[in-house]
């Protein structure tokens, strides 16, 4: 498995020179990451690779050993695959190629406290006479037995700010000079949020 950490820049569209067809793409700034730790199943009980991304402006003394990385992220790998990585290795955009499929993981935009119509797509009450302020109400939330709200009931509450995975996104283009990768379709998060990019194989 090939992995990388990137920063969402936004969206745009690219045009095919032959057909003129427009393709929506998401732009991700994927600067090189550094392998900062390797964990194997014999010593740690599982196989994983830890990478560091970005740079901190100020580093506290106890953190000097691990470097001035803005983010440390651990990726699980198949047993034995951790031997393919070495401490200090630089992983860049060259591990991906145009046309291949990637999985993207990120934190979705926070929507705050939302009602059932916005959060779960409820239709709301009928827009007839006598409804007034009941148009976007959830309606009945349970039966007489049991006399409680069943766990997992779709109700109003905090929306967004959750880990979201979007799989099978095609790499439309790669700009090696600017370290930008173009992915077909939308990806989670706001502009500037961090993302995990993983190969399908």
C-alpha atoms as a PDB file:
ATOM      1  CA  UNK A   1       0.000   0.000   0.000  1.00  0.00           C
ATOM      2  CA  UNK A   2       1.223   3.488  -0.929  1.00  0.00           C
ATOM      3  CA  UNK A   3       0.230   6.383   1.307  1.00  0.00           C
ATOM      4  CA  UNK A   4       0.547  10.158   1.500  1.00  0.00           C
ATOM      5  CA  UNK A   5      -0.825  13.154   3.417  1.00  0.00           C
ATOM      6  CA  UNK A   6      -2.138  16.194   1.571  1.00  0.00           C
ATOM      7  CA  UNK A   7      -3.927  19.496   2.059  1.00  0.00           C
ATOM      8  CA  UNK A   8      -7.161  20.304   0.233  1.00  0.00           C
ATOM      9  CA  UNK A   9      -6.880  23.415  -1.940  1.00  0.00           C
ATOM     10  CA  UNK A  10     -10.326  23.509  -3.529  1.00  0.00           C
ATOM     11  CA  UNK A  11     -12.111  22.449  -6.710  1.00  0.00           C
ATOM     12  CA  UNK A  12     -12.009  23.362 -10.385  1.00  0.00           C
ATOM     13  CA  UNK A  13     -12.738  21.749 -13.731  1.00  0.00           C
ATOM     14  CA  UNK A  14     -10.422  20.546 -16.460  1.00  0.00           C
ATOM     15  CA  UNK A  15     -11.324  20.135 -20.118  1.00  0.00           C
ATOM     16  CA  UNK A  16     -10.482  17.253 -22.423  1.00  0.00           C
ATOM     17  CA  UNK A  17      -8.611  18.574 -25.468  1.00  0.00           C
ATOM     18  CA  UNK A  18     -10.187  16.065 -27.827  1.00  0.00           C
ATOM     19  CA  UNK A  19     -13.859  16.095 -26.791  1.00  0.00           C
ATOM     20  CA  UNK A  20     -13.993  19.362 -24.830  1.00  0.00           C
ATOM     21  CA  UNK A  21     -15.761  17.555 -21.981  1.00  0.00           C
ATOM     22  CA  UNK A  22     -15.418  19.178 -18.555  1.00  0.00           C
ATOM     23  CA  UNK A  23     -14.345  17.044 -15.575  1.00  0.00           C
ATOM     24  CA  UNK A  24     -14.751  18.298 -11.979  1.00  0.00           C
ATOM     25  CA  UNK A  25     -11.541  17.803 -10.007  1.00  0.00           C
ATOM     26  CA  UNK A  26     -10.338  18.426  -6.467  1.00  0.00           C
ATOM     27  CA  UNK A  27      -6.866  19.871  -5.965  1.00  0.00           C
ATOM     28  CA  UNK A  28      -4.690  18.436  -3.194  1.00  0.00           C
ATOM     29  CA  UNK A  29      -1.307  19.832  -2.200  1.00  0.00           C
ATOM     30  CA  UNK A  30       0.731  16.725  -1.401  1.00  0.00           C
ATOM     31  CA  UNK A  31       4.164  17.677  -0.103  1.00  0.00           C
ATOM     32  CA  UNK A  32       6.662  14.904   0.751  1.00  0.00           C
ATOM     33  CA  UNK A  33       6.278  13.131   4.093  1.00  0.00           C
ATOM     34  CA  UNK A  34       9.082  11.609   6.181  1.00  0.00           C
ATOM     35  CA  UNK A  35       9.026   8.142   7.731  1.00  0.00           C
ATOM     36  CA  UNK A  36       9.464   8.772  11.468  1.00  0.00           C
ATOM     37  CA  UNK A  37       8.637   5.352  12.898  1.00  0.00           C
ATOM     38  CA  UNK A  38       8.142   1.710  11.972  1.00  0.00           C
ATOM     39  CA  UNK A  39       6.189  -0.815  14.044  1.00  0.00           C
ATOM     40  CA  UNK A  40       6.259  -4.558  13.455  1.00  0.00           C
ATOM     41  CA  UNK A  41       3.950  -7.296  14.682  1.00  0.00           C
ATOM     42  CA  UNK A  42       6.606  -9.087  16.746  1.00  0.00           C
ATOM     43  CA  UNK A  43       7.608  -6.084  18.866  1.00  0.00           C
ATOM     44  CA  UNK A  44       4.462  -3.929  18.904  1.00  0.00           C
ATOM     45  CA  UNK A  45       1.718  -6.431  18.101  1.00  0.00           C
ATOM     46  CA  UNK A  46       0.776  -4.832  14.765  1.00  0.00           C
ATOM     47  CA  UNK A  47       2.398  -3.565  11.577  1.00  0.00           C
ATOM     48  CA  UNK A  48       2.324   0.168  10.888  1.00  0.00           C
ATOM     49  CA  UNK A  49       4.311   3.061   9.461  1.00  0.00           C
ATOM     50  CA  UNK A  50       4.419   6.503  11.084  1.00  0.00           C
ATOM     51  CA  UNK A  51       5.029   9.534   8.869  1.00  0.00           C
ATOM     52  CA  UNK A  52       5.562  13.223   9.629  1.00  0.00           C
ATOM     53  CA  UNK A  53       3.963  16.010   7.602  1.00  0.00           C
ATOM     54  CA  UNK A  54       4.638  19.753   7.479  1.00  0.00           C
ATOM     55  CA  UNK A  55       6.784  21.859   9.777  1.00  0.00           C
ATOM     56  CA  UNK A  56       6.109  23.589  13.084  1.00  0.00           C
ATOM     57  CA  UNK A  57       7.288  27.127  13.639  1.00  0.00           C
ATOM     58  CA  UNK A  58       8.122  26.519  17.305  1.00  0.00           C
ATOM     59  CA  UNK A  59       9.148  23.157  18.756  1.00  0.00           C
ATOM     60  CA  UNK A  60       9.123  22.260  22.444  1.00  0.00           C
ATOM     61  CA  UNK A  61      12.257  20.644  23.832  1.00  0.00           C
ATOM     62  CA  UNK A  62      10.740  17.160  24.452  1.00  0.00           C
ATOM     63  CA  UNK A  63       9.575  17.080  20.818  1.00  0.00           C
ATOM     64  CA  UNK A  64      12.982  17.776  19.310  1.00  0.00           C
ATOM     65  CA  UNK A  65      13.743  14.043  18.994  1.00  0.00           C
ATOM     66  CA  UNK A  66      10.812  13.389  16.654  1.00  0.00           C
ATOM     67  CA  UNK A  67      11.407  16.556  14.641  1.00  0.00           C
ATOM     68  CA  UNK A  68       9.417  19.701  14.030  1.00  0.00           C
ATOM     69  CA  UNK A  69       6.574  18.028  12.158  1.00  0.00           C
ATOM     70  CA  UNK A  70       3.171  19.671  12.241  1.00  0.00           C
ATOM     71  CA  UNK A  71       1.433  16.279  12.094  1.00  0.00           C
ATOM     72  CA  UNK A  72       2.404  12.696  12.887  1.00  0.00           C
ATOM     73  CA  UNK A  73       0.160  10.056  11.317  1.00  0.00           C
ATOM     74  CA  UNK A  74       0.277   6.288  11.615  1.00  0.00           C
ATOM     75  CA  UNK A  75      -0.825   4.009   8.782  1.00  0.00           C
ATOM     76  CA  UNK A  76      -1.550   0.320   9.266  1.00  0.00           C
ATOM     77  CA  UNK A  77       0.121  -1.919   6.680  1.00  0.00           C
ATOM     78  CA  UNK A  78      -0.026  -5.644   5.941  1.00  0.00           C
ATOM     79  CA  UNK A  79       2.199  -7.864   8.020  1.00  0.00           C
ATOM     80  CA  UNK A  80       5.712  -7.776   6.600  1.00  0.00           C
ATOM     81  CA  UNK A  81       5.104  -4.733   4.394  1.00  0.00           C
ATOM     82  CA  UNK A  82       6.693  -2.459   7.005  1.00  0.00           C
ATOM     83  CA  UNK A  83      10.070  -3.770   5.829  1.00  0.00           C
ATOM     84  CA  UNK A  84       9.579  -1.786   2.607  1.00  0.00           C
ATOM     85  CA  UNK A  85       9.968   1.457   4.614  1.00  0.00           C
ATOM     86  CA  UNK A  86      13.053   2.839   6.354  1.00  0.00           C
ATOM     87  CA  UNK A  87      13.469   5.626   8.900  1.00  0.00           C
ATOM     88  CA  UNK A  88      14.087   8.964   7.238  1.00  0.00           C
ATOM     89  CA  UNK A  89      12.673   7.945   3.855  1.00  0.00           C
ATOM     90  CA  UNK A  90      10.960  10.707   1.877  1.00  0.00           C
ATOM     91  CA  UNK A  91       7.640   9.758   0.272  1.00  0.00           C
ATOM     92  CA  UNK A  92       6.425  12.087  -2.467  1.00  0.00           C
ATOM     93  CA  UNK A  93       3.924  12.340  -5.317  1.00  0.00           C
ATOM     94  CA  UNK A  94       6.021  10.077  -7.528  1.00  0.00           C
ATOM     95  CA  UNK A  95       4.452   7.030  -5.827  1.00  0.00           C
ATOM     96  CA  UNK A  96       1.170   7.763  -7.632  1.00  0.00           C
ATOM     97  CA  UNK A  97       0.542   7.781 -11.373  1.00  0.00           C
ATOM     98  CA  UNK A  98      -2.036   9.317 -13.663  1.00  0.00           C
ATOM     99  CA  UNK A  99      -5.137   7.177 -14.175  1.00  0.00           C
ATOM    100  CA  UNK A 100      -4.903   5.059 -11.017  1.00  0.00           C
ATOM    101  CA  UNK A 101      -7.557   4.945  -8.275  1.00  0.00           C
ATOM    102  CA  UNK A 102      -7.075   6.318  -4.755  1.00  0.00           C
ATOM    103  CA  UNK A 103      -8.974   6.288  -1.466  1.00  0.00           C
ATOM    104  CA  UNK A 104      -9.258   9.652   0.316  1.00  0.00           C
ATOM    105  CA  UNK A 105      -9.961  10.054   4.046  1.00  0.00           C
ATOM    106  CA  UNK A 106     -10.713  13.339   5.781  1.00  0.00           C
ATOM    107  CA  UNK A 107     -12.901  15.241   8.261  1.00  0.00           C
ATOM    108  CA  UNK A 108     -16.136  16.598   6.806  1.00  0.00           C
ATOM    109  CA  UNK A 109     -17.222  20.220   7.196  1.00  0.00           C
ATOM    110  CA  UNK A 110     -18.881  21.033  10.526  1.00  0.00           C
ATOM    111  CA  UNK A 111     -22.517  22.141  10.192  1.00  0.00           C
ATOM    112  CA  UNK A 112     -23.252  22.812  13.843  1.00  0.00           C
ATOM    113  CA  UNK A 113     -26.604  21.882  15.386  1.00  0.00           C
ATOM    114  CA  UNK A 114     -29.008  20.865  12.613  1.00  0.00           C
ATOM    115  CA  UNK A 115     -32.623  19.752  12.488  1.00  0.00           C
ATOM    116  CA  UNK A 116     -33.922  16.495  11.048  1.00  0.00           C
ATOM    117  CA  UNK A 117     -34.821  18.009   7.655  1.00  0.00           C
ATOM    118  CA  UNK A 118     -31.254  19.182   7.019  1.00  0.00           C
ATOM    119  CA  UNK A 119     -29.444  16.411   8.889  1.00  0.00           C
ATOM    120  CA  UNK A 120     -31.396  13.344   7.723  1.00  0.00           C
ATOM    121  CA  UNK A 121     -33.490  14.607   4.808  1.00  0.00           C
ATOM    122  CA  UNK A 122     -36.897  14.349   6.505  1.00  0.00           C
ATOM    123  CA  UNK A 123     -39.821  15.686   4.477  1.00  0.00           C
ATOM    124  CA  UNK A 124     -41.326  17.567   7.406  1.00  0.00           C
ATOM    125  CA  UNK A 125     -45.026  18.027   8.160  1.00  0.00           C
ATOM    126  CA  UNK A 126     -47.792  18.823   5.654  1.00  0.00           C
ATOM    127  CA  UNK A 127     -47.976  22.457   4.521  1.00  0.00           C
ATOM    128  CA  UNK A 128     -51.715  22.663   5.224  1.00  0.00           C
ATOM    129  CA  UNK A 129     -53.820  24.918   7.438  1.00  0.00           C
ATOM    130  CA  UNK A 130     -53.220  24.527  11.150  1.00  0.00           C
ATOM    131  CA  UNK A 131     -49.537  23.495  10.811  1.00  0.00           C
ATOM    132  CA  UNK A 132     -47.817  26.863  11.221  1.00  0.00           C
ATOM    133  CA  UNK A 133     -44.544  26.051  13.095  1.00  0.00           C
ATOM    134  CA  UNK A 134     -44.703  22.260  12.572  1.00  0.00           C
ATOM    135  CA  UNK A 135     -43.423  22.211   8.985  1.00  0.00           C
ATOM    136  CA  UNK A 136     -39.839  21.145   9.836  1.00  0.00           C
ATOM    137  CA  UNK A 137     -40.675  19.204  13.001  1.00  0.00           C
ATOM    138  CA  UNK A 138     -39.583  15.538  13.324  1.00  0.00           C
ATOM    139  CA  UNK A 139     -43.021  14.244  14.310  1.00  0.00           C
ATOM    140  CA  UNK A 140     -43.517  11.152  16.486  1.00  0.00           C
ATOM    141  CA  UNK A 141     -40.288   9.650  17.814  1.00  0.00           C
ATOM    142  CA  UNK A 142     -41.497   6.385  19.299  1.00  0.00           C
ATOM    143  CA  UNK A 143     -44.285   3.992  20.179  1.00  0.00           C
ATOM    144  CA  UNK A 144     -46.067   3.427  23.474  1.00  0.00           C
ATOM    145  CA  UNK A 145     -43.902   0.356  24.100  1.00  0.00           C
ATOM    146  CA  UNK A 146     -41.116   0.682  25.042  1.00  0.00           C
ATOM    147  CA  UNK A 147     -41.746   4.043  26.689  1.00  0.00           C
ATOM    148  CA  UNK A 148     -38.378   5.522  25.795  1.00  0.00           C
ATOM    149  CA  UNK A 149     -36.468   6.812  22.799  1.00  0.00           C
ATOM    150  CA  UNK A 150     -34.781   3.907  21.036  1.00  0.00           C
ATOM    151  CA  UNK A 151     -31.008   4.287  20.643  1.00  0.00           C
ATOM    152  CA  UNK A 152     -29.913   5.392  17.190  1.00  0.00           C
ATOM    153  CA  UNK A 153     -33.140   7.256  16.462  1.00  0.00           C
ATOM    154  CA  UNK A 154     -32.679   9.876  13.753  1.00  0.00           C
ATOM    155  CA  UNK A 155     -33.147  13.204  15.510  1.00  0.00           C
ATOM    156  CA  UNK A 156     -31.755  16.729  15.513  1.00  0.00           C
ATOM    157  CA  UNK A 157     -28.155  17.116  16.682  1.00  0.00           C
ATOM    158  CA  UNK A 158     -24.593  17.927  15.758  1.00  0.00           C
ATOM    159  CA  UNK A 159     -23.953  17.537  12.035  1.00  0.00           C
ATOM    160  CA  UNK A 160     -20.618  17.101  10.260  1.00  0.00           C
ATOM    161  CA  UNK A 161     -17.054  17.110  11.653  1.00  0.00           C
ATOM    162  CA  UNK A 162     -16.832  13.335  11.182  1.00  0.00           C
ATOM    163  CA  UNK A 163     -14.280  11.133   9.470  1.00  0.00           C
ATOM    164  CA  UNK A 164     -15.410  10.488   5.898  1.00  0.00           C
ATOM    165  CA  UNK A 165     -13.910   8.136   3.324  1.00  0.00           C
ATOM    166  CA  UNK A 166     -14.329   8.583  -0.431  1.00  0.00           C
ATOM    167  CA  UNK A 167     -13.067   5.595  -2.370  1.00  0.00           C
ATOM    168  CA  UNK A 168     -12.066   4.860  -5.928  1.00  0.00           C
ATOM    169  CA  UNK A 169     -11.204   8.411  -7.036  1.00  0.00           C
ATOM    170  CA  UNK A 170      -9.312   8.663 -10.310  1.00  0.00           C
ATOM    171  CA  UNK A 171      -6.050  10.604 -10.571  1.00  0.00           C
ATOM    172  CA  UNK A 172      -6.708  12.998 -13.474  1.00  0.00           C
ATOM    173  CA  UNK A 173      -3.334  14.738 -13.443  1.00  0.00           C
ATOM    174  CA  UNK A 174      -0.203  15.283 -11.328  1.00  0.00           C
ATOM    175  CA  UNK A 175       1.792  18.521 -11.214  1.00  0.00           C
ATOM    176  CA  UNK A 176       5.187  17.441  -9.883  1.00  0.00           C
ATOM    177  CA  UNK A 177       6.623  20.974  -9.769  1.00  0.00           C
ATOM    178  CA  UNK A 178       3.820  22.480  -7.672  1.00  0.00           C
ATOM    179  CA  UNK A 179       3.253  19.150  -5.840  1.00  0.00           C
ATOM    180  CA  UNK A 180      -0.469  19.168  -6.670  1.00  0.00           C
ATOM    181  CA  UNK A 181      -2.549  16.094  -7.487  1.00  0.00           C
ATOM    182  CA  UNK A 182      -5.868  16.379  -9.359  1.00  0.00           C
ATOM    183  CA  UNK A 183      -8.543  13.923  -8.205  1.00  0.00           C
ATOM    184  CA  UNK A 184     -11.811  13.409 -10.078  1.00  0.00           C
ATOM    185  CA  UNK A 185     -14.854  14.354  -7.988  1.00  0.00           C
ATOM    186  CA  UNK A 186     -15.382  15.857  -4.537  1.00  0.00           C
ATOM    187  CA  UNK A 187     -13.432  15.103  -1.372  1.00  0.00           C
ATOM    188  CA  UNK A 188     -14.330  15.756   2.288  1.00  0.00           C
ATOM    189  CA  UNK A 189     -13.316  18.821   4.285  1.00  0.00           C
ATOM    190  CA  UNK A 190     -12.841  22.526   3.767  1.00  0.00           C
ATOM    191  CA  UNK A 191     -10.014  24.256   1.905  1.00  0.00           C
ATOM    192  CA  UNK A 192      -6.890  23.829   4.016  1.00  0.00           C
ATOM    193  CA  UNK A 193      -7.962  20.643   5.803  1.00  0.00           C
ATOM    194  CA  UNK A 194      -5.635  17.627   5.870  1.00  0.00           C
ATOM    195  CA  UNK A 195      -6.377  14.445   3.961  1.00  0.00           C
ATOM    196  CA  UNK A 196      -5.040  10.897   3.784  1.00  0.00           C
ATOM    197  CA  UNK A 197      -4.347   9.500   0.320  1.00  0.00           C
ATOM    198  CA  UNK A 198      -4.027   5.739  -0.038  1.00  0.00           C
ATOM    199  CA  UNK A 199      -3.586   3.529  -3.072  1.00  0.00           C
ATOM    200  CA  UNK A 200      -6.160   0.840  -3.796  1.00  0.00           C
ATOM    201  CA  UNK A 201      -3.488  -1.905  -3.857  1.00  0.00           C
END
